[in-house]
Amino acid sequence: GPSANAVGHDLNYIGITGALASIARPGQPPTVPLNLVGDYGGG
């Protein structure tokens, strides 16, 4: 894939999937869900 050799961490990976944007309150940035969704649940 186009980003296969790019660096990144959990938050970057879940940011492009729609998961992170869905964990938010109105008018606030998304809440960082620890690194559970990317590293551990999705990883």
PDB file of all heavy atoms in Angstrom:
ATOM      1  N   GLY A   1       0.829  -1.195   0.000  1.00  0.00           N
ATOM      2  CA  GLY A   1       0.000   0.000   0.000  1.00  0.00           C
ATOM      3  C   GLY A   1       0.866   1.247   0.000  1.00  0.00           C
ATOM      4  O   GLY A   1       2.056   1.195   0.331  1.00  0.00           O
ATOM      5  N   PRO A   2       0.302   2.404  -0.369  1.00  0.00           N
ATOM      6  CA  PRO A   2       1.086   3.636  -0.519  1.00  0.00           C
ATOM      7  C   PRO A   2       1.833   4.060   0.735  1.00  0.00           C
ATOM      8  O   PRO A   2       2.887   4.697   0.641  1.00  0.00           O
ATOM      9  CB  PRO A   2       0.021   4.682  -0.900  1.00  0.00           C
ATOM     10  CG  PRO A   2      -1.085   3.899  -1.510  1.00  0.00           C
ATOM     11  CD  PRO A   2      -1.111   2.586  -0.788  1.00  0.00           C
ATOM     12  N   SER A   3       1.322   3.742   1.916  1.00  0.00           N
ATOM     13  CA  SER A   3       1.966   4.180   3.158  1.00  0.00           C
ATOM     14  C   SER A   3       2.749   3.077   3.854  1.00  0.00           C
ATOM     15  O   SER A   3       3.173   3.249   5.002  1.00  0.00           O
ATOM     16  CB  SER A   3       0.910   4.731   4.129  1.00  0.00           C
ATOM     17  OG  SER A   3       0.250   5.852   3.597  1.00  0.00           O
ATOM     18  N   ALA A   4       2.946   1.952   3.186  1.00  0.00           N
ATOM     19  CA  ALA A   4       3.537   0.788   3.848  1.00  0.00           C
ATOM     20  C   ALA A   4       4.873   1.089   4.499  1.00  0.00           C
ATOM     21  O   ALA A   4       5.192   0.539   5.562  1.00  0.00           O
ATOM     22  CB  ALA A   4       3.685  -0.366   2.844  1.00  0.00           C
ATOM     23  N   ASN A   5       5.682   1.946   3.899  1.00  0.00           N
ATOM     24  CA  ASN A   5       7.008   2.218   4.442  1.00  0.00           C
ATOM     25  C   ASN A   5       7.072   3.486   5.283  1.00  0.00           C
ATOM     26  O   ASN A   5       8.154   3.901   5.707  1.00  0.00           O
ATOM     27  CB  ASN A   5       8.029   2.305   3.301  1.00  0.00           C
ATOM     28  CG  ASN A   5       8.276   0.949   2.663  1.00  0.00           C
ATOM     29  OD1 ASN A   5       8.645  -0.002   3.326  1.00  0.00           O
ATOM     30  ND2 ASN A   5       8.038   0.859   1.359  1.00  0.00           N
ATOM     31  N   ALA A   6       5.923   4.101   5.539  1.00  0.00           N
ATOM     32  CA  ALA A   6       5.898   5.299   6.368  1.00  0.00           C
ATOM     33  C   ALA A   6       5.983   4.926   7.838  1.00  0.00           C
ATOM     34  O   ALA A   6       5.562   3.840   8.248  1.00  0.00           O
ATOM     35  CB  ALA A   6       4.617   6.092   6.112  1.00  0.00           C
ATOM     36  N   VAL A   7       6.531   5.840   8.633  1.00  0.00           N
ATOM     37  CA  VAL A   7       6.539   5.620  10.075  1.00  0.00           C
ATOM     38  C   VAL A   7       5.174   5.992  10.638  1.00  0.00           C
ATOM     39  O   VAL A   7       4.371   6.673   9.983  1.00  0.00           O
ATOM     40  CB  VAL A   7       7.641   6.449  10.773  1.00  0.00           C
ATOM     41  CG1 VAL A   7       9.016   6.034  10.279  1.00  0.00           C
ATOM     42  CG2 VAL A   7       7.427   7.948  10.538  1.00  0.00           C
ATOM     43  N   GLY A   8       4.889   5.568  11.840  1.00  0.00           N
ATOM     44  CA  GLY A   8       3.624   5.898  12.460  1.00  0.00           C
ATOM     45  C   GLY A   8       3.466   5.171  13.782  1.00  0.00           C
ATOM     46  O   GLY A   8       4.290   4.332  14.157  1.00  0.00           O
ATOM     47  N   HIS A   9       2.412   5.530  14.484  1.00  0.00           N
ATOM     48  CA  HIS A   9       2.043   4.856  15.719  1.00  0.00           C
ATOM     49  C   HIS A   9       0.535   4.704  15.766  1.00  0.00           C
ATOM     50  O   HIS A   9      -0.205   5.235  14.915  1.00  0.00           O
ATOM     51  CB  HIS A   9       2.557   5.622  16.941  1.00  0.00           C
ATOM     52  CG  HIS A   9       4.017   5.383  17.221  1.00  0.00           C
ATOM     53  ND1 HIS A   9       4.498   4.147  17.598  1.00  0.00           N
ATOM     54  CD2 HIS A   9       5.081   6.217  17.178  1.00  0.00           C
ATOM     55  CE1 HIS A   9       5.810   4.236  17.782  1.00  0.00           C
ATOM     56  NE2 HIS A   9       6.192   5.481  17.521  1.00  0.00           N
ATOM     57  N   ASP A  10       0.095   3.989  16.773  1.00  0.00           N
ATOM     58  CA  ASP A  10      -1.313   3.637  16.970  1.00  0.00           C
ATOM     59  C   ASP A  10      -2.281   4.748  16.563  1.00  0.00           C
ATOM     60  O   ASP A  10      -3.212   4.524  15.796  1.00  0.00           O
ATOM     61  CB  ASP A  10      -1.495   3.275  18.451  1.00  0.00           C
ATOM     62  CG  ASP A  10      -2.933   3.229  18.901  1.00  0.00           C
ATOM     63  OD1 ASP A  10      -3.514   4.301  19.166  1.00  0.00           O
ATOM     64  OD2 ASP A  10      -3.471   2.120  19.008  1.00  0.00           O
ATOM     65  N   LEU A  11      -2.068   5.945  17.067  1.00  0.00           N
ATOM     66  CA  LEU A  11      -3.009   7.029  16.841  1.00  0.00           C
ATOM     67  C   LEU A  11      -3.103   7.394  15.365  1.00  0.00           C
ATOM     68  O   LEU A  11      -4.186   7.730  14.867  1.00  0.00           O
ATOM     69  CB  LEU A  11      -2.595   8.245  17.669  1.00  0.00           C
ATOM     70  CG  LEU A  11      -3.689   9.242  18.055  1.00  0.00           C
ATOM     71  CD1 LEU A  11      -4.806   8.548  18.835  1.00  0.00           C
ATOM     72  CD2 LEU A  11      -3.109  10.390  18.868  1.00  0.00           C
ATOM     73  N   ASN A  12      -1.973   7.331  14.655  1.00  0.00           N
ATOM     74  CA  ASN A  12      -1.991   7.605  13.219  1.00  0.00           C
ATOM     75  C   ASN A  12      -2.828   6.575  12.481  1.00  0.00           C
ATOM     76  O   ASN A  12      -3.600   6.916  11.564  1.00  0.00           O
ATOM     77  CB  ASN A  12      -0.574   7.593  12.649  1.00  0.00           C
ATOM     78  CG  ASN A  12       0.379   8.498  13.393  1.00  0.00           C
ATOM     79  OD1 ASN A  12       1.428   8.054  13.850  1.00  0.00           O
ATOM     80  ND2 ASN A  12       0.043   9.775  13.533  1.00  0.00           N
ATOM     81  N   TYR A  13      -2.682   5.320  12.857  1.00  0.00           N
ATOM     82  CA  TYR A  13      -3.357   4.243  12.139  1.00  0.00           C
ATOM     83  C   TYR A  13      -4.871   4.305  12.327  1.00  0.00           C
ATOM     84  O   TYR A  13      -5.629   4.144  11.369  1.00  0.00           O
ATOM     85  CB  TYR A  13      -2.824   2.882  12.598  1.00  0.00           C
ATOM     86  CG  TYR A  13      -1.325   2.781  12.604  1.00  0.00           C
ATOM     87  CD1 TYR A  13      -0.642   2.177  13.649  1.00  0.00           C
ATOM     88  CD2 TYR A  13      -0.571   3.310  11.557  1.00  0.00           C
ATOM     89  CE1 TYR A  13       0.736   2.092  13.657  1.00  0.00           C
ATOM     90  CE2 TYR A  13       0.816   3.233  11.561  1.00  0.00           C
ATOM     91  CZ  TYR A  13       1.464   2.635  12.620  1.00  0.00           C
ATOM     92  OH  TYR A  13       2.837   2.558  12.635  1.00  0.00           O
ATOM     93  N   ILE A  14      -5.314   4.549  13.573  1.00  0.00           N
ATOM     94  CA  ILE A  14      -6.762   4.575  13.783  1.00  0.00           C
ATOM     95  C   ILE A  14      -7.367   5.878  13.275  1.00  0.00           C
ATOM     96  O   ILE A  14      -8.570   5.945  13.023  1.00  0.00           O
ATOM     97  CB  ILE A  14      -7.140   4.337  15.255  1.00  0.00           C
ATOM     98  CG1 ILE A  14      -6.724   5.503  16.153  1.00  0.00           C
ATOM     99  CG2 ILE A  14      -6.532   3.042  15.746  1.00  0.00           C
ATOM    100  CD1 ILE A  14      -7.252   5.362  17.580  1.00  0.00           C
ATOM    101  N   GLY A  15      -6.515   6.895  13.089  1.00  0.00           N
ATOM    102  CA  GLY A  15      -7.025   8.172  12.603  1.00  0.00           C
ATOM    103  C   GLY A  15      -7.603   8.096  11.206  1.00  0.00           C
ATOM    104  O   GLY A  15      -8.526   8.851  10.872  1.00  0.00           O
ATOM    105  N   ILE A  16      -7.093   7.192  10.362  1.00  0.00           N
ATOM    106  CA  ILE A  16      -7.567   7.136   8.976  1.00  0.00           C
ATOM    107  C   ILE A  16      -8.720   6.156   8.789  1.00  0.00           C
ATOM    108  O   ILE A  16      -9.239   6.019   7.683  1.00  0.00           O
ATOM    109  CB  ILE A  16      -6.434   6.790   7.991  1.00  0.00           C
ATOM    110  CG1 ILE A  16      -5.974   5.341   8.154  1.00  0.00           C
ATOM    111  CG2 ILE A  16      -5.262   7.753   8.142  1.00  0.00           C
ATOM    112  CD1 ILE A  16      -5.096   4.851   7.014  1.00  0.00           C
ATOM    113  N   THR A  17      -9.117   5.458   9.853  1.00  0.00           N
ATOM    114  CA  THR A  17     -10.120   4.405   9.702  1.00  0.00           C
ATOM    115  C   THR A  17     -11.532   4.847  10.044  1.00  0.00           C
ATOM    116  O   THR A  17     -12.480   4.083   9.835  1.00  0.00           O
ATOM    117  CB  THR A  17      -9.787   3.210  10.610  1.00  0.00           C
ATOM    118  OG1 THR A  17      -9.882   3.622  11.984  1.00  0.00           O
ATOM    119  CG2 THR A  17      -8.392   2.667  10.319  1.00  0.00           C
ATOM    120  N   GLY A  18     -11.696   6.045  10.590  1.00  0.00           N
ATOM    121  CA  GLY A  18     -13.003   6.478  11.060  1.00  0.00           C
ATOM    122  C   GLY A  18     -13.223   6.194  12.530  1.00  0.00           C
ATOM    123  O   GLY A  18     -14.125   6.769  13.155  1.00  0.00           O
ATOM    124  N   ALA A  19     -12.428   5.306  13.098  1.00  0.00           N
ATOM    125  CA  ALA A  19     -12.616   4.935  14.503  1.00  0.00           C
ATOM    126  C   ALA A  19     -12.354   6.114  15.430  1.00  0.00           C
ATOM    127  O   ALA A  19     -13.149   6.403  16.339  1.00  0.00           O
ATOM    128  CB  ALA A  19     -11.698   3.769  14.865  1.00  0.00           C
ATOM    129  N   LEU A  20     -11.235   6.813  15.231  1.00  0.00           N
ATOM    130  CA  LEU A  20     -10.874   7.894  16.141  1.00  0.00           C
ATOM    131  C   LEU A  20     -11.868   9.042  16.068  1.00  0.00           C
ATOM    132  O   LEU A  20     -12.283   9.595  17.100  1.00  0.00           O
ATOM    133  CB  LEU A  20      -9.459   8.393  15.833  1.00  0.00           C
ATOM    134  CG  LEU A  20      -8.928   9.482  16.760  1.00  0.00           C
ATOM    135  CD1 LEU A  20      -8.890   9.013  18.207  1.00  0.00           C
ATOM    136  CD2 LEU A  20      -7.537   9.933  16.305  1.00  0.00           C
ATOM    137  N   ALA A  21     -12.277   9.421  14.879  1.00  0.00           N
ATOM    138  CA  ALA A  21     -13.219  10.536  14.722  1.00  0.00           C
ATOM    139  C   ALA A  21     -14.541  10.263  15.413  1.00  0.00           C
ATOM    140  O   ALA A  21     -15.255  11.199  15.795  1.00  0.00           O
ATOM    141  CB  ALA A  21     -13.456  10.814  13.239  1.00  0.00           C
ATOM    142  N   SER A  22     -14.871   8.987  15.582  1.00  0.00           N
ATOM    143  CA  SER A  22     -16.148   8.623  16.187  1.00  0.00           C
ATOM    144  C   SER A  22     -16.104   8.636  17.708  1.00  0.00           C
ATOM    145  O   SER A  22     -17.136   8.434  18.359  1.00  0.00           O
ATOM    146  CB  SER A  22     -16.574   7.231  15.695  1.00  0.00           C
ATOM    147  OG  SER A  22     -16.675   7.223  14.277  1.00  0.00           O
ATOM    148  N   ILE A  23     -14.919   8.841  18.277  1.00  0.00           N
ATOM    149  CA  ILE A  23     -14.782   8.873  19.739  1.00  0.00           C
ATOM    150  C   ILE A  23     -14.526  10.322  20.133  1.00  0.00           C
ATOM    151  O   ILE A  23     -13.392  10.747  20.373  1.00  0.00           O
ATOM    152  CB  ILE A  23     -13.641   7.954  20.210  1.00  0.00           C
ATOM    153  CG1 ILE A  23     -13.817   6.545  19.634  1.00  0.00           C
ATOM    154  CG2 ILE A  23     -13.587   7.899  21.733  1.00  0.00           C
ATOM    155  CD1 ILE A  23     -12.644   5.613  19.887  1.00  0.00           C
ATOM    156  N   ALA A  24     -15.584  11.114  20.135  1.00  0.00           N
ATOM    157  CA  ALA A  24     -15.430  12.562  20.330  1.00  0.00           C
ATOM    158  C   ALA A  24     -16.701  13.161  20.899  1.00  0.00           C
ATOM    159  O   ALA A  24     -17.780  12.561  20.830  1.00  0.00           O
ATOM    160  CB  ALA A  24     -15.084  13.241  19.009  1.00  0.00           C
ATOM    161  N   ARG A  25     -16.550  14.366  21.464  1.00  0.00           N
ATOM    162  CA  ARG A  25     -17.677  15.162  21.923  1.00  0.00           C
ATOM    163  C   ARG A  25     -17.823  16.359  20.985  1.00  0.00           C
ATOM    164  O   ARG A  25     -16.836  16.812  20.392  1.00  0.00           O
ATOM    165  CB  ARG A  25     -17.448  15.650  23.351  1.00  0.00           C
ATOM    166  CG  ARG A  25     -17.353  14.530  24.386  1.00  0.00           C
ATOM    167  CD  ARG A  25     -18.697  13.891  24.633  1.00  0.00           C
ATOM    168  NE  ARG A  25     -18.629  12.899  25.712  1.00  0.00           N
ATOM    169  CZ  ARG A  25     -19.679  12.246  26.179  1.00  0.00           C
ATOM    170  NH1 ARG A  25     -20.884  12.470  25.669  1.00  0.00           N
ATOM    171  NH2 ARG A  25     -19.548  11.364  27.149  1.00  0.00           N
ATOM    172  N   PRO A  26     -19.017  16.895  20.844  1.00  0.00           N
ATOM    173  CA  PRO A  26     -19.207  18.042  19.946  1.00  0.00           C
ATOM    174  C   PRO A  26     -18.288  19.206  20.302  1.00  0.00           C
ATOM    175  O   PRO A  26     -18.137  19.568  21.474  1.00  0.00           O
ATOM    176  CB  PRO A  26     -20.670  18.417  20.166  1.00  0.00           C
ATOM    177  CG  PRO A  26     -21.325  17.155  20.621  1.00  0.00           C
ATOM    178  CD  PRO A  26     -20.291  16.457  21.460  1.00  0.00           C
ATOM    179  N   GLY A  27     -17.650  19.770  19.283  1.00  0.00           N
ATOM    180  CA  GLY A  27     -16.793  20.925  19.482  1.00  0.00           C
ATOM    181  C   GLY A  27     -15.444  20.624  20.092  1.00  0.00           C
ATOM    182  O   GLY A  27     -14.685  21.543  20.407  1.00  0.00           O
ATOM    183  N   GLN A  28     -15.114  19.345  20.267  1.00  0.00           N
ATOM    184  CA  GLN A  28     -13.841  18.954  20.860  1.00  0.00           C
ATOM    185  C   GLN A  28     -13.109  17.989  19.935  1.00  0.00           C
ATOM    186  O   GLN A  28     -13.738  17.272  19.153  1.00  0.00           O
ATOM    187  CB  GLN A  28     -14.053  18.275  22.211  1.00  0.00           C
ATOM    188  CG  GLN A  28     -14.746  19.142  23.244  1.00  0.00           C
ATOM    189  CD  GLN A  28     -14.957  18.394  24.549  1.00  0.00           C
ATOM    190  OE1 GLN A  28     -14.304  17.406  24.835  1.00  0.00           O
ATOM    191  NE2 GLN A  28     -15.898  18.878  25.358  1.00  0.00           N
ATOM    192  N   PRO A  29     -11.772  17.947  20.019  1.00  0.00           N
ATOM    193  CA  PRO A  29     -11.038  16.946  19.255  1.00  0.00           C
ATOM    194  C   PRO A  29     -11.393  15.547  19.749  1.00  0.00           C
ATOM    195  O   PRO A  29     -11.871  15.384  20.881  1.00  0.00           O
ATOM    196  CB  PRO A  29      -9.564  17.273  19.545  1.00  0.00           C
ATOM    197  CG  PRO A  29      -9.569  18.644  20.116  1.00  0.00           C
ATOM    198  CD  PRO A  29     -10.881  18.817  20.796  1.00  0.00           C
ATOM    199  N   PRO A  30     -11.166  14.533  18.939  1.00  0.00           N
ATOM    200  CA  PRO A  30     -11.421  13.169  19.402  1.00  0.00           C
ATOM    201  C   PRO A  30     -10.649  12.846  20.679  1.00  0.00           C
ATOM    202  O   PRO A  30      -9.562  13.366  20.920  1.00  0.00           O
ATOM    203  CB  PRO A  30     -10.937  12.307  18.224  1.00  0.00           C
ATOM    204  CG  PRO A  30     -11.088  13.196  17.039  1.00  0.00           C
ATOM    205  CD  PRO A  30     -10.742  14.572  17.531  1.00  0.00           C
ATOM    206  N   THR A  31     -11.219  11.968  21.473  1.00  0.00           N
ATOM    207  CA  THR A  31     -10.576  11.502  22.698  1.00  0.00           C
ATOM    208  C   THR A  31      -9.582  10.394  22.355  1.00  0.00           C
ATOM    209  O   THR A  31      -9.926   9.454  21.631  1.00  0.00           O
ATOM    210  CB  THR A  31     -11.629  10.965  23.681  1.00  0.00           C
ATOM    211  OG1 THR A  31     -12.493  12.038  24.047  1.00  0.00           O
ATOM    212  CG2 THR A  31     -10.968  10.396  24.922  1.00  0.00           C
ATOM    213  N   VAL A  32      -8.389  10.485  22.871  1.00  0.00           N
ATOM    214  CA  VAL A  32      -7.387   9.445  22.631  1.00  0.00           C
ATOM    215  C   VAL A  32      -7.783   8.203  23.436  1.00  0.00           C
ATOM    216  O   VAL A  32      -7.785   8.244  24.670  1.00  0.00           O
ATOM    217  CB  VAL A  32      -5.985   9.925  23.040  1.00  0.00           C
ATOM    218  CG1 VAL A  32      -4.960   8.814  22.828  1.00  0.00           C
ATOM    219  CG2 VAL A  32      -5.598  11.175  22.248  1.00  0.00           C
ATOM    220  N   PRO A  33      -8.118   7.094  22.791  1.00  0.00           N
ATOM    221  CA  PRO A  33      -8.615   5.914  23.507  1.00  0.00           C
ATOM    222  C   PRO A  33      -7.498   5.001  23.996  1.00  0.00           C
ATOM    223  O   PRO A  33      -7.500   3.794  23.727  1.00  0.00           O
ATOM    224  CB  PRO A  33      -9.481   5.228  22.447  1.00  0.00           C
ATOM    225  CG  PRO A  33      -8.788   5.551  21.164  1.00  0.00           C
ATOM    226  CD  PRO A  33      -8.209   6.934  21.328  1.00  0.00           C
ATOM    227  N   LEU A  34      -6.540   5.607  24.753  1.00  0.00           N
ATOM    228  CA  LEU A  34      -5.298   4.895  25.062  1.00  0.00           C
ATOM    229  C   LEU A  34      -4.758   4.389  23.718  1.00  0.00           C
ATOM    230  O   LEU A  34      -5.002   4.968  22.682  1.00  0.00           O
ATOM    231  CB  LEU A  34      -5.532   3.793  26.073  1.00  0.00           C
ATOM    232  CG  LEU A  34      -6.081   4.246  27.435  1.00  0.00           C
ATOM    233  CD1 LEU A  34      -6.273   3.049  28.372  1.00  0.00           C
ATOM    234  CD2 LEU A  34      -5.168   5.272  28.091  1.00  0.00           C
ATOM    235  N   ASN A  35      -3.997   3.286  23.723  1.00  0.00           N
ATOM    236  CA  ASN A  35      -3.601   2.700  22.435  1.00  0.00           C
ATOM    237  C   ASN A  35      -4.257   1.330  22.277  1.00  0.00           C
ATOM    238  O   ASN A  35      -3.672   0.388  21.751  1.00  0.00           O
ATOM    239  CB  ASN A  35      -2.082   2.619  22.286  1.00  0.00           C
ATOM    240  CG  ASN A  35      -1.412   1.839  23.401  1.00  0.00           C
ATOM    241  OD1 ASN A  35      -1.919   1.786  24.522  1.00  0.00           O
ATOM    242  ND2 ASN A  35      -0.272   1.243  23.116  1.00  0.00           N
ATOM    243  N   LEU A  36      -5.513   1.282  22.721  1.00  0.00           N
ATOM    244  CA  LEU A  36      -6.253   0.023  22.698  1.00  0.00           C
ATOM    245  C   LEU A  36      -6.781  -0.329  21.318  1.00  0.00           C
ATOM    246  O   LEU A  36      -6.777  -1.491  20.923  1.00  0.00           O
ATOM    247  CB  LEU A  36      -7.424   0.097  23.683  1.00  0.00           C
ATOM    248  CG  LEU A  36      -7.061   0.292  25.154  1.00  0.00           C
ATOM    249  CD1 LEU A  36      -8.323   0.454  25.991  1.00  0.00           C
ATOM    250  CD2 LEU A  36      -6.229  -0.873  25.660  1.00  0.00           C
ATOM    251  N   VAL A  37      -7.253   0.668  20.567  1.00  0.00           N
ATOM    252  CA  VAL A  37      -7.935   0.387  19.305  1.00  0.00           C
ATOM    253  C   VAL A  37      -6.951  -0.036  18.222  1.00  0.00           C
ATOM    254  O   VAL A  37      -7.229  -0.952  17.440  1.00  0.00           O
ATOM    255  CB  VAL A  37      -8.748   1.608  18.847  1.00  0.00           C
ATOM    256  CG1 VAL A  37      -9.464   1.320  17.534  1.00  0.00           C
ATOM    257  CG2 VAL A  37      -9.753   2.012  19.913  1.00  0.00           C
ATOM    258  N   GLY A  38      -5.791   0.609  18.167  1.00  0.00           N
ATOM    259  CA  GLY A  38      -4.808   0.290  17.143  1.00  0.00           C
ATOM    260  C   GLY A  38      -3.843  -0.797  17.587  1.00  0.00           C
ATOM    261  O   GLY A  38      -3.830  -1.899  17.045  1.00  0.00           O
ATOM    262  N   ASP A  39      -3.024  -0.501  18.584  1.00  0.00           N
ATOM    263  CA  ASP A  39      -1.980  -1.443  19.004  1.00  0.00           C
ATOM    264  C   ASP A  39      -2.533  -2.788  19.430  1.00  0.00           C
ATOM    265  O   ASP A  39      -2.025  -3.834  19.011  1.00  0.00           O
ATOM    266  CB  ASP A  39      -1.182  -0.853  20.160  1.00  0.00           C
ATOM    267  CG  ASP A  39      -0.069   0.074  19.698  1.00  0.00           C
ATOM    268  OD1 ASP A  39       0.214   0.105  18.480  1.00  0.00           O
ATOM    269  OD2 ASP A  39       0.520   0.769  20.536  1.00  0.00           O
ATOM    270  N   TYR A  40      -3.543  -2.771  20.285  1.00  0.00           N
ATOM    271  CA  TYR A  40      -3.947  -4.020  20.922  1.00  0.00           C
ATOM    272  C   TYR A  40      -5.207  -4.635  20.320  1.00  0.00           C
ATOM    273  O   TYR A  40      -5.181  -5.805  19.928  1.00  0.00           O
ATOM    274  CB  TYR A  40      -4.095  -3.784  22.433  1.00  0.00           C
ATOM    275  CG  TYR A  40      -2.791  -3.313  23.042  1.00  0.00           C
ATOM    276  CD1 TYR A  40      -2.711  -2.130  23.757  1.00  0.00           C
ATOM    277  CD2 TYR A  40      -1.617  -4.034  22.835  1.00  0.00           C
ATOM    278  CE1 TYR A  40      -1.505  -1.682  24.284  1.00  0.00           C
ATOM    279  CE2 TYR A  40      -0.413  -3.599  23.350  1.00  0.00           C
ATOM    280  CZ  TYR A  40      -0.351  -2.424  24.076  1.00  0.00           C
ATOM    281  OH  TYR A  40       0.845  -1.981  24.577  1.00  0.00           O
ATOM    282  N   GLY A  41      -6.289  -3.882  20.207  1.00  0.00           N
ATOM    283  CA  GLY A  41      -7.492  -4.449  19.596  1.00  0.00           C
ATOM    284  C   GLY A  41      -7.300  -4.736  18.117  1.00  0.00           C
ATOM    285  O   GLY A  41      -7.533  -5.845  17.642  1.00  0.00           O
ATOM    286  N   GLY A  42      -6.853  -3.721  17.376  1.00  0.00           N
ATOM    287  CA  GLY A  42      -6.663  -3.892  15.943  1.00  0.00           C
ATOM    288  C   GLY A  42      -5.310  -4.454  15.567  1.00  0.00           C
ATOM    289  O   GLY A  42      -5.088  -4.806  14.408  1.00  0.00           O
ATOM    290  N   GLY A  43      -4.400  -4.535  16.536  1.00  0.00           N
ATOM    291  CA  GLY A  43      -3.052  -5.012  16.262  1.00  0.00           C
ATOM    292  C   GLY A  43      -2.813  -6.409  16.775  1.00  0.00           C
ATOM    293  O   GLY A  43      -2.920  -7.393  16.042  1.00  0.00           O
TER     294      GLY A  43
END
